[in-house]
PDB file of N, CA and C in Angstrom:
ATOM      1  N   UNK A   1       0.816  -1.218  -0.079  1.00  0.00           N
ATOM      2  CA  UNK A   1       0.406  -0.019  -0.002  1.00  0.00           C
ATOM      3  C   UNK A   1       1.020   1.351   0.141  1.00  0.00           C
ATOM      4  N   UNK A   2       0.314   2.313  -0.653  1.00  0.00           N
ATOM      5  CA  UNK A   2       1.225   3.500  -0.790  1.00  0.00           C
ATOM      6  C   UNK A   2       1.201   4.303   0.596  1.00  0.00           C
ATOM      7  N   UNK A   3       2.601   4.807   0.856  1.00  0.00           N
ATOM      8  CA  UNK A   3       2.283   5.835   2.013  1.00  0.00           C
ATOM      9  C   UNK A   3       2.914   7.177   1.610  1.00  0.00           C
ATOM     10  N   UNK A   4       2.206   8.086   2.092  1.00  0.00           N
ATOM     11  CA  UNK A   4       2.672   9.571   2.023  1.00  0.00           C
ATOM     12  C   UNK A   4       3.531   9.933   3.298  1.00  0.00           C
ATOM     13  N   UNK A   5       4.491  10.689   3.220  1.00  0.00           N
ATOM     14  CA  UNK A   5       5.161  11.261   4.453  1.00  0.00           C
ATOM     15  C   UNK A   5       4.567  12.544   4.919  1.00  0.00           C
ATOM     16  N   UNK A   6       4.854  13.133   6.057  1.00  0.00           N
ATOM     17  CA  UNK A   6       4.244  14.247   6.442  1.00  0.00           C
ATOM     18  C   UNK A   6       4.695  15.427   5.323  1.00  0.00           C
ATOM     19  N   UNK A   7       5.783  15.373   4.869  1.00  0.00           N
ATOM     20  CA  UNK A   7       5.832  16.704   3.600  1.00  0.00           C
ATOM     21  C   UNK A   7       5.052  16.394   2.528  1.00  0.00           C
ATOM     22  N   UNK A   8       4.784  15.051   2.077  1.00  0.00           N
ATOM     23  CA  UNK A   8       4.109  15.050   0.942  1.00  0.00           C
ATOM     24  C   UNK A   8       2.479  15.235   1.127  1.00  0.00           C
ATOM     25  N   UNK A   9       2.400  14.892   2.422  1.00  0.00           N
ATOM     26  CA  UNK A   9       1.004  15.084   3.000  1.00  0.00           C
ATOM     27  C   UNK A   9       0.628  16.769   2.841  1.00  0.00           C
ATOM     28  N   UNK A  10       1.499  17.306   3.404  1.00  0.00           N
ATOM     29  CA  UNK A  10       1.338  18.987   3.553  1.00  0.00           C
ATOM     30  C   UNK A  10       1.389  19.601   2.094  1.00  0.00           C
ATOM     31  N   UNK A  11       2.390  18.793   1.101  1.00  0.00           N
ATOM     32  CA  UNK A  11       2.677  19.418  -0.154  1.00  0.00           C
ATOM     33  C   UNK A  11       1.170  19.281  -0.895  1.00  0.00           C
ATOM     34  N   UNK A  12       0.617  18.278  -0.508  1.00  0.00           N
ATOM     35  CA  UNK A  12      -0.752  17.797  -1.447  1.00  0.00           C
ATOM     36  C   UNK A  12      -1.799  18.786  -1.062  1.00  0.00           C
ATOM     37  N   UNK A  13      -1.770  18.974   0.242  1.00  0.00           N
ATOM     38  CA  UNK A  13      -2.706  19.971   1.089  1.00  0.00           C
ATOM     39  C   UNK A  13      -2.420  21.326   0.355  1.00  0.00           C
ATOM     40  N   UNK A  14      -1.246  21.702   0.262  1.00  0.00           N
ATOM     41  CA  UNK A  14      -1.196  23.306  -0.061  1.00  0.00           C
ATOM     42  C   UNK A  14      -1.538  23.326  -1.456  1.00  0.00           C
ATOM     43  N   UNK A  15      -1.181  22.241  -2.490  1.00  0.00           N
ATOM     44  CA  UNK A  15      -1.686  22.394  -3.770  1.00  0.00           C
ATOM     45  C   UNK A  15      -3.095  22.460  -3.994  1.00  0.00           C
ATOM     46  N   UNK A  16      -3.685  21.670  -3.058  1.00  0.00           N
ATOM     47  CA  UNK A  16      -5.334  21.774  -3.201  1.00  0.00           C
ATOM     48  C   UNK A  16      -5.783  23.218  -2.686  1.00  0.00           C
ATOM     49  N   UNK A  17      -5.290  23.592  -1.655  1.00  0.00           N
ATOM     50  CA  UNK A  17      -5.729  25.011  -1.355  1.00  0.00           C
ATOM     51  C   UNK A  17      -5.340  26.158  -2.290  1.00  0.00           C
ATOM     52  N   UNK A  18      -4.103  25.882  -3.130  1.00  0.00           N
ATOM     53  CA  UNK A  18      -3.720  26.479  -4.414  1.00  0.00           C
ATOM     54  C   UNK A  18      -4.729  26.606  -5.450  1.00  0.00           C
ATOM     55  N   UNK A  19      -5.447  25.392  -5.837  1.00  0.00           N
ATOM     56  CA  UNK A  19      -6.501  25.306  -6.728  1.00  0.00           C
ATOM     57  C   UNK A  19      -7.614  26.119  -6.400  1.00  0.00           C
ATOM     58  N   UNK A  20      -7.844  25.919  -4.846  1.00  0.00           N
ATOM     59  CA  UNK A  20      -9.334  26.751  -4.869  1.00  0.00           C
ATOM     60  C   UNK A  20      -8.786  28.232  -4.855  1.00  0.00           C
ATOM     61  N   UNK A  21      -7.578  28.632  -4.452  1.00  0.00           N
ATOM     62  CA  UNK A  21      -7.233  29.901  -4.863  1.00  0.00           C
ATOM     63  C   UNK A  21      -7.251  30.533  -6.044  1.00  0.00           C
ATOM     64  N   UNK A  22      -6.760  29.496  -6.857  1.00  0.00           N
ATOM     65  CA  UNK A  22      -6.690  29.976  -8.459  1.00  0.00           C
ATOM     66  C   UNK A  22      -7.947  29.918  -9.153  1.00  0.00           C
ATOM     67  N   UNK A  23      -8.899  28.985  -8.686  1.00  0.00           N
ATOM     68  CA  UNK A  23     -10.296  28.799  -9.367  1.00  0.00           C
ATOM     69  C   UNK A  23     -11.311  29.763  -8.897  1.00  0.00           C
ATOM     70  N   UNK A  24     -11.416  29.812  -7.628  1.00  0.00           N
ATOM     71  CA  UNK A  24     -12.405  30.762  -7.030  1.00  0.00           C
ATOM     72  C   UNK A  24     -12.032  31.927  -6.540  1.00  0.00           C
ATOM     73  N   UNK A  25     -13.021  32.750  -6.467  1.00  0.00           N
ATOM     74  CA  UNK A  25     -13.019  34.239  -5.858  1.00  0.00           C
ATOM     75  C   UNK A  25     -14.020  34.649  -5.040  1.00  0.00           C
ATOM     76  N   UNK A  26     -13.756  35.851  -4.087  1.00  0.00           N
ATOM     77  CA  UNK A  26     -14.797  36.458  -3.553  1.00  0.00           C
ATOM     78  C   UNK A  26     -15.488  35.688  -2.511  1.00  0.00           C
ATOM     79  N   UNK A  27     -16.600  35.637  -2.121  1.00  0.00           N
ATOM     80  CA  UNK A  27     -17.470  34.973  -1.102  1.00  0.00           C
ATOM     81  C   UNK A  27     -17.408  33.427  -1.299  1.00  0.00           C
ATOM     82  N   UNK A  28     -17.311  32.873  -2.467  1.00  0.00           N
ATOM     83  CA  UNK A  28     -17.348  31.493  -2.538  1.00  0.00           C
ATOM     84  C   UNK A  28     -16.021  31.006  -2.188  1.00  0.00           C
ATOM     85  N   UNK A  29     -14.960  31.667  -2.508  1.00  0.00           N
ATOM     86  CA  UNK A  29     -13.396  31.336  -2.106  1.00  0.00           C
ATOM     87  C   UNK A  29     -13.528  31.428  -0.596  1.00  0.00           C
ATOM     88  N   UNK A  30     -14.033  32.400  -0.003  1.00  0.00           N
ATOM     89  CA  UNK A  30     -14.058  32.627   1.530  1.00  0.00           C
ATOM     90  C   UNK A  30     -14.375  31.470   2.318  1.00  0.00           C
ATOM     91  N   UNK A  31     -15.698  31.181   1.697  1.00  0.00           N
ATOM     92  CA  UNK A  31     -16.522  30.158   2.194  1.00  0.00           C
ATOM     93  C   UNK A  31     -15.673  28.744   2.213  1.00  0.00           C
ATOM     94  N   UNK A  32     -15.514  28.403   1.078  1.00  0.00           N
ATOM     95  CA  UNK A  32     -14.676  27.286   0.764  1.00  0.00           C
ATOM     96  C   UNK A  32     -13.316  27.135   1.690  1.00  0.00           C
ATOM     97  N   UNK A  33     -12.519  28.230   1.627  1.00  0.00           N
ATOM     98  CA  UNK A  33     -11.375  28.237   2.596  1.00  0.00           C
ATOM     99  C   UNK A  33     -11.839  28.007   4.232  1.00  0.00           C
ATOM    100  N   UNK A  34     -12.856  28.651   4.337  1.00  0.00           N
ATOM    101  CA  UNK A  34     -13.623  28.477   5.856  1.00  0.00           C
ATOM    102  C   UNK A  34     -13.683  27.010   6.027  1.00  0.00           C
ATOM    103  N   UNK A  35     -14.285  26.500   5.364  1.00  0.00           N
ATOM    104  CA  UNK A  35     -14.630  24.919   5.268  1.00  0.00           C
ATOM    105  C   UNK A  35     -13.470  24.018   5.417  1.00  0.00           C
ATOM    106  N   UNK A  36     -12.598  24.208   4.308  1.00  0.00           N
ATOM    107  CA  UNK A  36     -11.212  23.492   4.289  1.00  0.00           C
ATOM    108  C   UNK A  36     -10.574  23.648   5.477  1.00  0.00           C
ATOM    109  N   UNK A  37     -10.390  24.895   5.733  1.00  0.00           N
ATOM    110  CA  UNK A  37      -9.718  25.106   7.054  1.00  0.00           C
ATOM    111  C   UNK A  37     -10.082  24.303   8.206  1.00  0.00           C
ATOM    112  N   UNK A  38     -11.409  24.350   8.428  1.00  0.00           N
ATOM    113  CA  UNK A  38     -12.135  23.843   9.683  1.00  0.00           C
ATOM    114  C   UNK A  38     -11.895  22.250   9.355  1.00  0.00           C
ATOM    115  N   UNK A  39     -12.019  21.683   8.240  1.00  0.00           N
ATOM    116  CA  UNK A  39     -11.605  20.170   8.043  1.00  0.00           C
ATOM    117  C   UNK A  39     -10.384  19.795   7.942  1.00  0.00           C
ATOM    118  N   UNK A  40      -9.383  20.616   7.863  1.00  0.00           N
ATOM    119  CA  UNK A  40      -8.200  20.314   7.425  1.00  0.00           C
ATOM    120  C   UNK A  40      -7.546  19.225   8.026  1.00  0.00           C
ATOM    121  N   UNK A  41      -7.327  18.957   9.492  1.00  0.00           N
ATOM    122  CA  UNK A  41      -6.877  18.093  10.038  1.00  0.00           C
ATOM    123  C   UNK A  41      -7.583  16.548   9.889  1.00  0.00           C
ATOM    124  N   UNK A  42      -8.651  16.645   9.380  1.00  0.00           N
ATOM    125  CA  UNK A  42      -9.400  15.234   8.874  1.00  0.00           C
ATOM    126  C   UNK A  42      -9.062  15.034   7.707  1.00  0.00           C
ATOM    127  N   UNK A  43      -9.292  16.032   6.624  1.00  0.00           N
ATOM    128  CA  UNK A  43      -9.012  16.013   5.324  1.00  0.00           C
ATOM    129  C   UNK A  43      -7.614  15.430   4.776  1.00  0.00           C
ATOM    130  N   UNK A  44      -6.754  16.105   5.545  1.00  0.00           N
ATOM    131  CA  UNK A  44      -5.358  15.923   5.045  1.00  0.00           C
ATOM    132  C   UNK A  44      -4.775  14.680   5.239  1.00  0.00           C
ATOM    133  N   UNK A  45      -5.475  13.763   6.199  1.00  0.00           N
ATOM    134  CA  UNK A  45      -4.894  12.457   6.332  1.00  0.00           C
ATOM    135  C   UNK A  45      -6.019  11.116   5.839  1.00  0.00           C
ATOM    136  N   UNK A  46      -7.269  11.837   5.505  1.00  0.00           N
ATOM    137  CA  UNK A  46      -8.210  11.021   4.923  1.00  0.00           C
ATOM    138  C   UNK A  46      -7.729   9.769   3.679  1.00  0.00           C
ATOM    139  N   UNK A  47      -8.323   8.769   3.669  1.00  0.00           N
ATOM    140  CA  UNK A  47      -7.980   8.020   2.820  1.00  0.00           C
ATOM    141  C   UNK A  47      -9.377   8.357   1.816  1.00  0.00           C
ATOM    142  N   UNK A  48      -9.185   7.851   0.196  1.00  0.00           N
ATOM    143  CA  UNK A  48      -9.975   8.026  -0.917  1.00  0.00           C
ATOM    144  C   UNK A  48     -11.152   6.879  -0.442  1.00  0.00           C
ATOM    145  N   UNK A  49     -11.014   6.029   0.024  1.00  0.00           N
ATOM    146  CA  UNK A  49     -11.734   4.770   0.364  1.00  0.00           C
ATOM    147  C   UNK A  49     -11.634   4.250   1.412  1.00  0.00           C
ATOM    148  N   UNK A  50     -12.563   3.404   1.955  1.00  0.00           N
ATOM    149  CA  UNK A  50     -12.390   2.589   3.299  1.00  0.00           C
ATOM    150  C   UNK A  50     -12.264   1.231   2.863  1.00  0.00           C
ATOM    151  N   UNK A  51     -12.205   0.873   1.678  1.00  0.00           N
ATOM    152  CA  UNK A  51     -11.952  -0.320   1.276  1.00  0.00           C
ATOM    153  C   UNK A  51     -10.691  -0.502   0.680  1.00  0.00           C
ATOM    154  N   UNK A  52      -9.894  -1.393   1.350  1.00  0.00           N
ATOM    155  CA  UNK A  52      -8.359  -1.705   0.879  1.00  0.00           C
ATOM    156  C   UNK A  52      -8.158  -1.902  -0.673  1.00  0.00           C
ATOM    157  N   UNK A  53      -8.987  -2.485  -1.022  1.00  0.00           N
ATOM    158  CA  UNK A  53      -9.127  -3.025  -2.662  1.00  0.00           C
ATOM    159  C   UNK A  53      -9.424  -1.901  -3.489  1.00  0.00           C
ATOM    160  N   UNK A  54      -9.869  -0.901  -3.152  1.00  0.00           N
ATOM    161  CA  UNK A  54     -10.377   0.313  -3.915  1.00  0.00           C
ATOM    162  C   UNK A  54      -9.001   1.356  -4.085  1.00  0.00           C
ATOM    163  N   UNK A  55      -8.902   2.310  -4.872  1.00  0.00           N
ATOM    164  CA  UNK A  55      -7.544   3.018  -5.062  1.00  0.00           C
ATOM    165  C   UNK A  55      -7.692   4.093  -4.256  1.00  0.00           C
ATOM    166  N   UNK A  56      -6.405   4.566  -4.014  1.00  0.00           N
ATOM    167  CA  UNK A  56      -6.190   5.463  -2.807  1.00  0.00           C
ATOM    168  C   UNK A  56      -6.749   5.329  -1.699  1.00  0.00           C
ATOM    169  N   UNK A  57      -6.523   4.182  -1.103  1.00  0.00           N
ATOM    170  CA  UNK A  57      -7.071   3.786   0.247  1.00  0.00           C
ATOM    171  C   UNK A  57      -5.811   3.697   1.004  1.00  0.00           C
ATOM    172  N   UNK A  58      -5.370   5.186   1.270  1.00  0.00           N
ATOM    173  CA  UNK A  58      -4.168   5.173   2.341  1.00  0.00           C
ATOM    174  C   UNK A  58      -4.059   6.524   2.985  1.00  0.00           C
ATOM    175  N   UNK A  59      -3.385   6.938   3.979  1.00  0.00           N
ATOM    176  CA  UNK A  59      -3.456   8.009   4.603  1.00  0.00           C
ATOM    177  C   UNK A  59      -3.047   9.100   3.503  1.00  0.00           C
ATOM    178  N   UNK A  60      -4.043  10.267   3.269  1.00  0.00           N
ATOM    179  CA  UNK A  60      -3.887  11.083   2.323  1.00  0.00           C
ATOM    180  C   UNK A  60      -4.453  10.808   1.218  1.00  0.00           C
ATOM    181  N   UNK A  61      -4.743   9.849   0.955  1.00  0.00           N
ATOM    182  CA  UNK A  61      -5.365   9.538  -0.348  1.00  0.00           C
ATOM    183  C   UNK A  61      -6.574  10.199  -0.987  1.00  0.00           C
ATOM    184  N   UNK A  62      -7.292  10.780   0.033  1.00  0.00           N
ATOM    185  CA  UNK A  62      -8.413  11.526  -0.633  1.00  0.00           C
ATOM    186  C   UNK A  62      -8.234  12.822  -1.275  1.00  0.00           C
ATOM    187  N   UNK A  63      -7.131  13.600  -0.677  1.00  0.00           N
ATOM    188  CA  UNK A  63      -6.377  14.673  -1.050  1.00  0.00           C
ATOM    189  C   UNK A  63      -5.714  14.471  -2.527  1.00  0.00           C
ATOM    190  N   UNK A  64      -5.091  13.322  -2.487  1.00  0.00           N
ATOM    191  CA  UNK A  64      -4.141  12.828  -3.756  1.00  0.00           C
ATOM    192  C   UNK A  64      -5.232  12.575  -4.576  1.00  0.00           C
ATOM    193  N   UNK A  65      -6.194  11.851  -4.736  1.00  0.00           N
ATOM    194  CA  UNK A  65      -7.190  11.534  -5.502  1.00  0.00           C
ATOM    195  C   UNK A  65      -7.974  12.741  -6.149  1.00  0.00           C
ATOM    196  N   UNK A  66      -8.269  13.680  -5.147  1.00  0.00           N
ATOM    197  CA  UNK A  66      -8.840  14.846  -5.921  1.00  0.00           C
ATOM    198  C   UNK A  66      -8.011  15.680  -6.664  1.00  0.00           C
ATOM    199  N   UNK A  67      -6.659  15.672  -6.406  1.00  0.00           N
ATOM    200  CA  UNK A  67      -5.655  16.636  -7.222  1.00  0.00           C
ATOM    201  C   UNK A  67      -5.554  15.860  -8.282  1.00  0.00           C
ATOM    202  N   UNK A  68      -5.619  14.456  -8.456  1.00  0.00           N
ATOM    203  CA  UNK A  68      -5.530  13.739  -9.990  1.00  0.00           C
ATOM    204  C   UNK A  68      -6.902  13.937 -10.591  1.00  0.00           C
ATOM    205  N   UNK A  69      -7.754  13.831 -10.175  1.00  0.00           N
ATOM    206  CA  UNK A  69      -9.000  14.098 -10.696  1.00  0.00           C
ATOM    207  C   UNK A  69      -9.128  15.595 -11.300  1.00  0.00           C
ATOM    208  N   UNK A  70      -8.575  16.682 -10.632  1.00  0.00           N
ATOM    209  CA  UNK A  70      -8.596  17.901 -10.904  1.00  0.00           C
ATOM    210  C   UNK A  70      -7.661  17.960 -12.342  1.00  0.00           C
ATOM    211  N   UNK A  71      -6.507  17.698 -11.986  1.00  0.00           N
ATOM    212  CA  UNK A  71      -5.401  17.624 -13.024  1.00  0.00           C
ATOM    213  C   UNK A  71      -5.896  16.834 -14.359  1.00  0.00           C
ATOM    214  N   UNK A  72      -6.601  15.993 -14.209  1.00  0.00           N
ATOM    215  CA  UNK A  72      -7.272  15.170 -15.635  1.00  0.00           C
ATOM    216  C   UNK A  72      -8.189  15.890 -16.158  1.00  0.00           C
ATOM    217  N   UNK A  73      -9.401  16.228 -15.502  1.00  0.00           N
ATOM    218  CA  UNK A  73     -10.191  17.348 -15.920  1.00  0.00           C
ATOM    219  C   UNK A  73      -9.659  18.638 -16.275  1.00  0.00           C
ATOM    220  N   UNK A  74      -8.906  19.139 -15.890  1.00  0.00           N
ATOM    221  CA  UNK A  74      -8.320  20.193 -16.652  1.00  0.00           C
ATOM    222  C   UNK A  74      -7.533  20.222 -17.774  1.00  0.00           C
ATOM    223  N   UNK A  75      -6.916  19.063 -17.879  1.00  0.00           N
ATOM    224  CA  UNK A  75      -6.346  18.589 -19.317  1.00  0.00           C
ATOM    225  C   UNK A  75      -7.491  18.237 -20.318  1.00  0.00           C
ATOM    226  N   UNK A  76      -8.337  17.617 -19.855  1.00  0.00           N
ATOM    227  CA  UNK A  76      -9.481  17.098 -21.053  1.00  0.00           C
ATOM    228  C   UNK A  76     -10.339  18.541 -21.199  1.00  0.00           C
ATOM    229  N   UNK A  77     -10.548  19.276 -20.466  1.00  0.00           N
ATOM    230  CA  UNK A  77     -11.195  20.667 -20.731  1.00  0.00           C
ATOM    231  C   UNK A  77     -10.364  21.632 -21.540  1.00  0.00           C
ATOM    232  N   UNK A  78      -9.197  21.610 -21.233  1.00  0.00           N
ATOM    233  CA  UNK A  78      -8.357  22.376 -22.108  1.00  0.00           C
ATOM    234  C   UNK A  78      -8.262  21.824 -23.440  1.00  0.00           C
ATOM    235  N   UNK A  79      -8.222  20.680 -23.672  1.00  0.00           N
ATOM    236  CA  UNK A  79      -8.010  20.124 -24.993  1.00  0.00           C
ATOM    237  C   UNK A  79      -9.461  20.143 -25.919  1.00  0.00           C
ATOM    238  N   UNK A  80     -10.700  19.835 -24.938  1.00  0.00           N
ATOM    239  CA  UNK A  80     -11.850  19.850 -25.704  1.00  0.00           C
ATOM    240  C   UNK A  80     -12.336  21.269 -25.957  1.00  0.00           C
ATOM    241  N   UNK A  81     -12.112  22.092 -25.134  1.00  0.00           N
ATOM    242  CA  UNK A  81     -12.439  23.474 -25.204  1.00  0.00           C
ATOM    243  C   UNK A  81     -11.462  24.129 -26.668  1.00  0.00           C
ATOM    244  N   UNK A  82     -10.535  23.957 -26.542  1.00  0.00           N
ATOM    245  CA  UNK A  82      -9.462  24.443 -27.462  1.00  0.00           C
ATOM    246  C   UNK A  82      -9.785  23.815 -29.227  1.00  0.00           C
ATOM    247  N   UNK A  83      -9.966  22.659 -29.018  1.00  0.00           N
ATOM    248  CA  UNK A  83     -10.089  21.814 -30.387  1.00  0.00           C
ATOM    249  C   UNK A  83     -11.332  21.648 -30.793  1.00  0.00           C
ATOM    250  N   UNK A  84     -12.512  21.306 -29.914  1.00  0.00           N
ATOM    251  CA  UNK A  84     -13.610  21.065 -30.547  1.00  0.00           C
ATOM    252  C   UNK A  84     -14.762  21.882 -30.455  1.00  0.00           C
ATOM    253  N   UNK A  85     -15.035  22.919 -29.424  1.00  0.00           N
ATOM    254  CA  UNK A  85     -15.949  23.743 -29.445  1.00  0.00           C
ATOM    255  C   UNK A  85     -15.722  24.952 -28.490  1.00  0.00           C
ATOM    256  N   UNK A  86     -16.689  25.807 -28.447  1.00  0.00           N
ATOM    257  CA  UNK A  86     -16.624  26.993 -27.478  1.00  0.00           C
ATOM    258  C   UNK A  86     -16.703  26.708 -26.124  1.00  0.00           C
ATOM    259  N   UNK A  87     -16.234  27.213 -25.382  1.00  0.00           N
ATOM    260  CA  UNK A  87     -16.366  26.978 -23.807  1.00  0.00           C
ATOM    261  C   UNK A  87     -18.086  26.946 -23.195  1.00  0.00           C
ATOM    262  N   UNK A  88     -18.769  27.838 -23.977  1.00  0.00           N
ATOM    263  CA  UNK A  88     -20.115  27.694 -23.664  1.00  0.00           C
ATOM    264  C   UNK A  88     -20.629  26.295 -23.948  1.00  0.00           C
ATOM    265  N   UNK A  89     -20.401  25.770 -25.099  1.00  0.00           N
ATOM    266  CA  UNK A  89     -20.891  24.554 -25.757  1.00  0.00           C
ATOM    267  C   UNK A  89     -20.468  23.687 -24.682  1.00  0.00           C
ATOM    268  N   UNK A  90     -19.096  23.512 -24.279  1.00  0.00           N
ATOM    269  CA  UNK A  90     -18.740  22.540 -23.314  1.00  0.00           C
ATOM    270  C   UNK A  90     -19.785  22.729 -22.157  1.00  0.00           C
ATOM    271  N   UNK A  91     -19.761  23.786 -21.277  1.00  0.00           N
ATOM    272  CA  UNK A  91     -20.850  23.938 -20.162  1.00  0.00           C
ATOM    273  C   UNK A  91     -22.225  23.023 -20.487  1.00  0.00           C
ATOM    274  N   UNK A  92     -22.746  23.445 -21.634  1.00  0.00           N
ATOM    275  CA  UNK A  92     -24.084  22.909 -21.979  1.00  0.00           C
ATOM    276  C   UNK A  92     -24.009  21.489 -22.018  1.00  0.00           C
ATOM    277  N   UNK A  93     -22.998  21.076 -22.605  1.00  0.00           N
ATOM    278  CA  UNK A  93     -22.709  19.565 -22.915  1.00  0.00           C
ATOM    279  C   UNK A  93     -22.701  18.920 -21.356  1.00  0.00           C
ATOM    280  N   UNK A  94     -21.817  19.404 -20.395  1.00  0.00           N
ATOM    281  CA  UNK A  94     -21.444  18.886 -19.217  1.00  0.00           C
ATOM    282  C   UNK A  94     -22.740  19.136 -18.224  1.00  0.00           C
ATOM    283  N   UNK A  95     -23.403  19.964 -18.722  1.00  0.00           N
ATOM    284  CA  UNK A  95     -24.658  20.186 -17.721  1.00  0.00           C
ATOM    285  C   UNK A  95     -25.696  19.154 -18.054  1.00  0.00           C
ATOM    286  N   UNK A  96     -25.897  18.792 -19.369  1.00  0.00           N
ATOM    287  CA  UNK A  96     -26.728  17.961 -19.912  1.00  0.00           C
ATOM    288  C   UNK A  96     -26.429  16.478 -19.380  1.00  0.00           C
ATOM    289  N   UNK A  97     -24.942  16.200 -19.495  1.00  0.00           N
ATOM    290  CA  UNK A  97     -24.573  14.846 -18.996  1.00  0.00           C
ATOM    291  C   UNK A  97     -24.919  14.803 -17.226  1.00  0.00           C
ATOM    292  N   UNK A  98     -24.627  15.880 -16.568  1.00  0.00           N
ATOM    293  CA  UNK A  98     -24.771  15.870 -15.181  1.00  0.00           C
ATOM    294  C   UNK A  98     -26.133  15.537 -14.696  1.00  0.00           C
ATOM    295  N   UNK A  99     -27.051  16.180 -15.856  1.00  0.00           N
ATOM    296  CA  UNK A  99     -28.672  16.016 -15.251  1.00  0.00           C
ATOM    297  C   UNK A  99     -29.066  14.490 -15.774  1.00  0.00           C
ATOM    298  N   UNK A 100     -28.467  14.114 -16.572  1.00  0.00           N
ATOM    299  CA  UNK A 100     -28.690  12.650 -17.020  1.00  0.00           C
ATOM    300  C   UNK A 100     -28.381  11.598 -16.004  1.00  0.00           C
ATOM    301  N   UNK A 101     -27.290  12.168 -15.306  1.00  0.00           N
ATOM    302  CA  UNK A 101     -26.707  11.088 -14.173  1.00  0.00           C
ATOM    303  C   UNK A 101     -27.159  11.308 -12.972  1.00  0.00           C
ATOM    304  N   UNK A 102     -28.021  12.223 -12.704  1.00  0.00           N
ATOM    305  CA  UNK A 102     -28.851  12.447 -11.449  1.00  0.00           C
ATOM    306  C   UNK A 102     -29.645  11.349 -11.055  1.00  0.00           C
ATOM    307  N   UNK A 103     -29.482  10.976  -9.764  1.00  0.00           N
ATOM    308  CA  UNK A 103     -30.081   9.638  -9.240  1.00  0.00           C
ATOM    309  C   UNK A 103     -31.414   9.845  -9.410  1.00  0.00           C
ATOM    310  N   UNK A 104     -32.091  11.070  -9.221  1.00  0.00           N
ATOM    311  CA  UNK A 104     -33.402  11.564  -9.091  1.00  0.00           C
ATOM    312  C   UNK A 104     -34.245  11.369 -10.304  1.00  0.00           C
ATOM    313  N   UNK A 105     -33.344  11.106 -11.413  1.00  0.00           N
ATOM    314  CA  UNK A 105     -34.209  11.128 -12.964  1.00  0.00           C
ATOM    315  C   UNK A 105     -34.414   9.669 -13.314  1.00  0.00           C
ATOM    316  N   UNK A 106     -35.626   9.395 -13.549  1.00  0.00           N
ATOM    317  CA  UNK A 106     -35.730   8.062 -14.169  1.00  0.00           C
ATOM    318  C   UNK A 106     -35.540   8.176 -15.862  1.00  0.00           C
ATOM    319  N   UNK A 107     -35.002   7.561 -16.425  1.00  0.00           N
ATOM    320  CA  UNK A 107     -34.818   7.430 -17.795  1.00  0.00           C
ATOM    321  C   UNK A 107     -35.418   6.267 -18.278  1.00  0.00           C
TER     322      UNK A 107
END
């Protein structure tokens, strides 16, 4: 099982807070930072899963997982937006798919 040392845990946390600062602003950023600062002690060491056979089931796995998802989503969105359609079109498509996957909607 993968293990992160204290330095790696702190570096990942700092990256996550950096993502928030780079992505959000104003009241939304303030509220997110308040929540994350309140939960920091728990989040920084939380695994992404409680089941050992699942990925990122180790101390710090949750933040590590969030960073990987963010980086991959960023790469895909940059490619998609620059190569295939406008940003507005991307948002419409993403919203449509998120609505289709909502558990309260029967298809």
